Protein backbone atom coordinates (compact mmCIF):
# COMPACT_ATOMS: atom_id res chain seq x y z
CA UNK A 1 6.98 4.62 -20.79
CA UNK A 2 5.21 6.53 -17.97
CA UNK A 3 4.24 4.42 -14.95
CA UNK A 4 1.73 5.57 -12.31
CA UNK A 5 2.10 3.91 -8.92
CA UNK A 6 -0.86 4.03 -6.53
CA UNK A 7 -0.90 3.21 -2.82
CA UNK A 8 -4.65 2.77 -2.26
CA UNK A 9 -6.51 3.86 0.85
CA UNK A 10 -10.02 4.80 1.93
CA UNK A 11 -8.94 7.99 3.78
CA UNK A 12 -5.90 8.97 1.71
CA UNK A 13 -4.03 7.51 -1.25
CA UNK A 14 -0.52 8.11 -2.47
CA UNK A 15 0.38 8.38 -6.13
CA UNK A 16 3.67 8.73 -8.02
CA UNK A 17 4.58 9.06 -11.66
CA UNK A 18 7.91 7.89 -13.10
CA UNK A 19 9.20 7.53 -16.61
CA UNK A 20 11.29 4.67 -17.83
CA UNK A 21 13.59 5.62 -20.70
CA UNK A 22 15.65 2.66 -21.71
CA UNK A 23 17.70 1.78 -18.62
CA UNK A 24 16.92 5.06 -16.84
CA UNK A 25 14.06 5.60 -14.42
CA UNK A 26 13.14 9.25 -13.82
CA UNK A 27 10.92 10.68 -11.08
CA UNK A 28 8.28 13.00 -12.55
CA UNK A 29 5.73 13.82 -9.86
CA UNK A 30 3.90 12.53 -6.81
CA UNK A 31 1.30 13.48 -4.25
CA UNK A 32 -1.38 12.42 -1.81
CA UNK A 33 -5.11 12.38 -2.47
CA UNK A 34 -7.07 13.02 0.73
CA UNK A 35 -10.57 11.79 1.41
CA UNK A 36 -10.65 11.94 5.22
CA UNK A 37 -12.83 15.05 5.38
CA UNK A 38 -15.75 13.17 3.82
CA UNK A 39 -17.51 11.43 6.72
CA UNK A 40 -19.99 9.33 4.77
CA UNK A 41 -18.04 6.37 3.36
CA UNK A 42 -20.40 5.84 0.39
CA UNK A 43 -19.98 9.48 -0.62
CA UNK A 44 -16.22 9.06 -0.25
CA UNK A 45 -16.22 6.20 -2.82
CA UNK A 46 -17.60 8.54 -5.47
CA UNK A 47 -14.93 11.13 -4.70
CA UNK A 48 -12.23 8.43 -4.83
CA UNK A 49 -13.40 7.30 -8.27
CA UNK A 50 -13.54 10.89 -9.61
CA UNK A 51 -10.11 11.85 -8.22
CA UNK A 52 -8.43 8.81 -9.76
CA UNK A 53 -10.20 9.41 -13.07
CA UNK A 54 -8.90 13.01 -13.02
CA UNK A 55 -5.39 11.87 -12.10
CA UNK A 56 -5.39 9.49 -15.06
CA UNK A 57 -6.50 12.25 -17.46
CA UNK A 58 -3.96 14.74 -16.09
CA UNK A 59 -0.89 12.47 -16.29
CA UNK A 60 -1.81 9.98 -19.06
CA UNK A 61 0.33 7.07 -17.81
CA UNK A 62 1.10 4.14 -20.11
CA UNK A 63 0.83 1.59 -17.28
CA UNK A 64 -0.46 1.63 -13.73
CA UNK A 65 0.81 -0.34 -10.74
CA UNK A 66 -1.20 -0.77 -7.56
CA UNK A 67 -0.45 -2.37 -4.22
CA UNK A 68 -2.51 -5.50 -3.60
CA UNK A 69 -4.66 -5.79 -0.52
CA UNK A 70 -2.79 -6.08 2.75
CA UNK A 71 -3.68 -7.90 5.92
CA UNK A 72 -5.30 -5.67 8.52
CA UNK A 73 -6.57 -6.63 11.94
CA UNK A 74 -10.00 -5.09 11.42
CA UNK A 75 -12.39 -6.74 8.96
CA UNK A 76 -14.23 -3.43 8.65
CA UNK A 77 -11.00 -1.64 7.64
CA UNK A 78 -10.20 -4.38 5.13
CA UNK A 79 -13.67 -4.11 3.61
CA UNK A 80 -13.38 -0.34 3.25
CA UNK A 81 -9.89 -0.60 1.77
CA UNK A 82 -11.14 -3.22 -0.73
CA UNK A 83 -14.06 -1.00 -1.76
CA UNK A 84 -11.83 2.08 -2.10
CA UNK A 85 -9.35 0.07 -4.20
CA UNK A 86 -12.25 -1.20 -6.31
CA UNK A 87 -13.40 2.39 -6.97
CA UNK A 88 -9.86 3.25 -8.02
CA UNK A 89 -9.56 0.27 -10.35
CA UNK A 90 -12.95 1.02 -11.84
CA UNK A 91 -11.68 4.48 -12.79
CA UNK A 92 -8.46 3.10 -14.27
CA UNK A 93 -9.32 -0.09 -16.13
CA UNK A 94 -11.67 1.24 -18.87
CA UNK A 95 -8.81 3.22 -20.43
CA UNK A 96 -5.97 0.85 -19.42
CA UNK A 97 -7.27 -2.68 -19.91
CA UNK A 98 -4.32 -5.08 -19.72
CA UNK A 99 -2.02 -2.30 -18.47
CA UNK A 100 -2.81 -2.45 -14.75
CA UNK A 101 -0.50 -4.49 -12.51
CA UNK A 102 -0.62 -5.30 -8.80
CA UNK A 103 2.18 -6.15 -6.45
CA UNK A 104 2.17 -7.46 -2.90
CA UNK A 105 3.59 -5.21 -0.19
CA UNK A 106 6.45 -7.66 0.52
CA UNK A 107 7.44 -7.85 -3.15
CA UNK A 108 7.44 -4.05 -3.42
CA UNK A 109 9.61 -3.66 -0.32
CA UNK A 110 11.95 -6.42 -1.45
CA UNK A 111 12.28 -5.02 -4.97
CA UNK A 112 13.14 -1.49 -3.89
CA UNK A 113 15.00 -1.99 -0.61
CA UNK A 114 16.22 -5.57 -0.72
CA UNK A 115 14.20 -6.48 2.43
CA UNK A 116 10.58 -7.62 2.20
CA UNK A 117 9.71 -6.43 5.70
CA UNK A 118 11.23 -2.95 5.51
CA UNK A 119 9.30 -0.29 7.44
CA UNK A 120 7.87 2.86 5.90
CA UNK A 121 10.78 5.08 6.93
CA UNK A 122 13.25 2.68 5.26
CA UNK A 123 11.19 2.79 2.03
CA UNK A 124 11.12 6.61 2.12
CA UNK A 125 14.90 6.78 2.70
CA UNK A 126 15.51 4.37 -0.17
CA UNK A 127 13.32 6.43 -2.53
CA UNK A 128 15.28 9.57 -1.60
CA UNK A 129 18.57 7.78 -2.18
CA UNK A 130 17.45 6.61 -5.63
CA UNK A 131 15.60 9.67 -6.92
CA UNK A 132 17.11 12.53 -4.94
CA UNK A 133 15.84 14.70 -2.13
CA UNK A 134 12.09 14.54 -2.59
CA UNK A 135 9.91 16.00 0.16
CA UNK A 136 7.09 13.53 0.58
CA UNK A 137 3.91 14.83 2.26
CA UNK A 138 3.01 11.35 3.58
CA UNK A 139 4.32 7.78 3.67
CA UNK A 140 1.60 6.96 1.17
CA UNK A 141 3.36 9.13 -1.38
CA UNK A 142 6.75 7.46 -0.92
CA UNK A 143 5.04 4.06 -0.95
CA UNK A 144 3.40 4.94 -4.27
CA UNK A 145 6.81 5.79 -5.70
CA UNK A 146 8.10 2.42 -4.51
CA UNK A 147 5.11 0.72 -6.20
CA UNK A 148 5.86 2.46 -9.50
CA UNK A 149 9.57 1.57 -9.23
CA UNK A 150 8.69 -2.04 -8.38
CA UNK A 151 6.76 -2.24 -11.64
CA UNK A 152 9.60 -0.67 -13.59
CA UNK A 153 11.97 -3.26 -12.17
CA UNK A 154 9.55 -6.22 -12.65
CA UNK A 155 8.18 -5.36 -16.10
CA UNK A 156 8.98 -8.23 -18.43
CA UNK A 157 9.02 -10.94 -15.77
CA UNK A 158 6.81 -13.89 -16.49
CA UNK A 159 5.13 -15.74 -13.60
CA UNK A 160 4.55 -19.46 -14.10
CA UNK A 161 2.75 -21.06 -11.19
CA UNK A 162 4.56 -19.84 -8.10
CA UNK A 163 7.91 -19.41 -9.83
CA UNK A 164 9.16 -16.25 -11.52
CA UNK A 165 11.28 -16.46 -14.58
CA UNK A 166 13.34 -13.49 -15.60
CA UNK A 167 13.01 -12.40 -19.17
CA UNK A 168 14.61 -8.97 -19.02
CA UNK A 169 14.85 -8.11 -15.34
CA UNK A 170 17.69 -6.33 -13.61
CA UNK A 171 18.57 -5.92 -9.98
CA UNK A 172 18.00 -2.63 -8.16
CA UNK A 173 21.75 -2.21 -7.77
CA UNK A 174 22.41 -2.55 -11.48
CA UNK A 175 19.65 -0.10 -12.40
CA UNK A 176 21.05 2.64 -10.18
CA UNK A 177 24.77 1.83 -10.26
CA UNK A 178 25.58 5.20 -11.84
CA UNK A 179 23.94 7.03 -8.92
CA UNK A 180 25.83 5.25 -6.15
């Protein structure tokens, strides 16, 4: 199963593609989509939609994982992030209905590093430890890889109310025990 992880943004967005083969998780590709040279925000939304649509066609993932909205101090920034994320989801959902999953930033950090408040450099270091020496162009790219890995680790968990029940989940340590 190929999983595409997306770290949404209105100026740049990270993406990463992994493949889950049985108990193995393999890094395939990653990158950063840049939109910061487009000054008009409304024009940028169209470019965001088109770039995600192209990414989906190019890599044909089976499932997509996206980071949920995060708290930001500026209401304007939050509104722009929400709109950019909406443009991305609009490009994904028609071909992947029921195969799009979102995870909170704290859950992603906790799943991949063991600490829900890990900083960006800790996430990048963890991704390099797990998948090898990858040269990330931005933190958004390493975050996207963490989002994809979080989904690979959480696939099969059922959420009932506020409690998670494990149906076929494994810890990060058990998944990568042969690499340590």
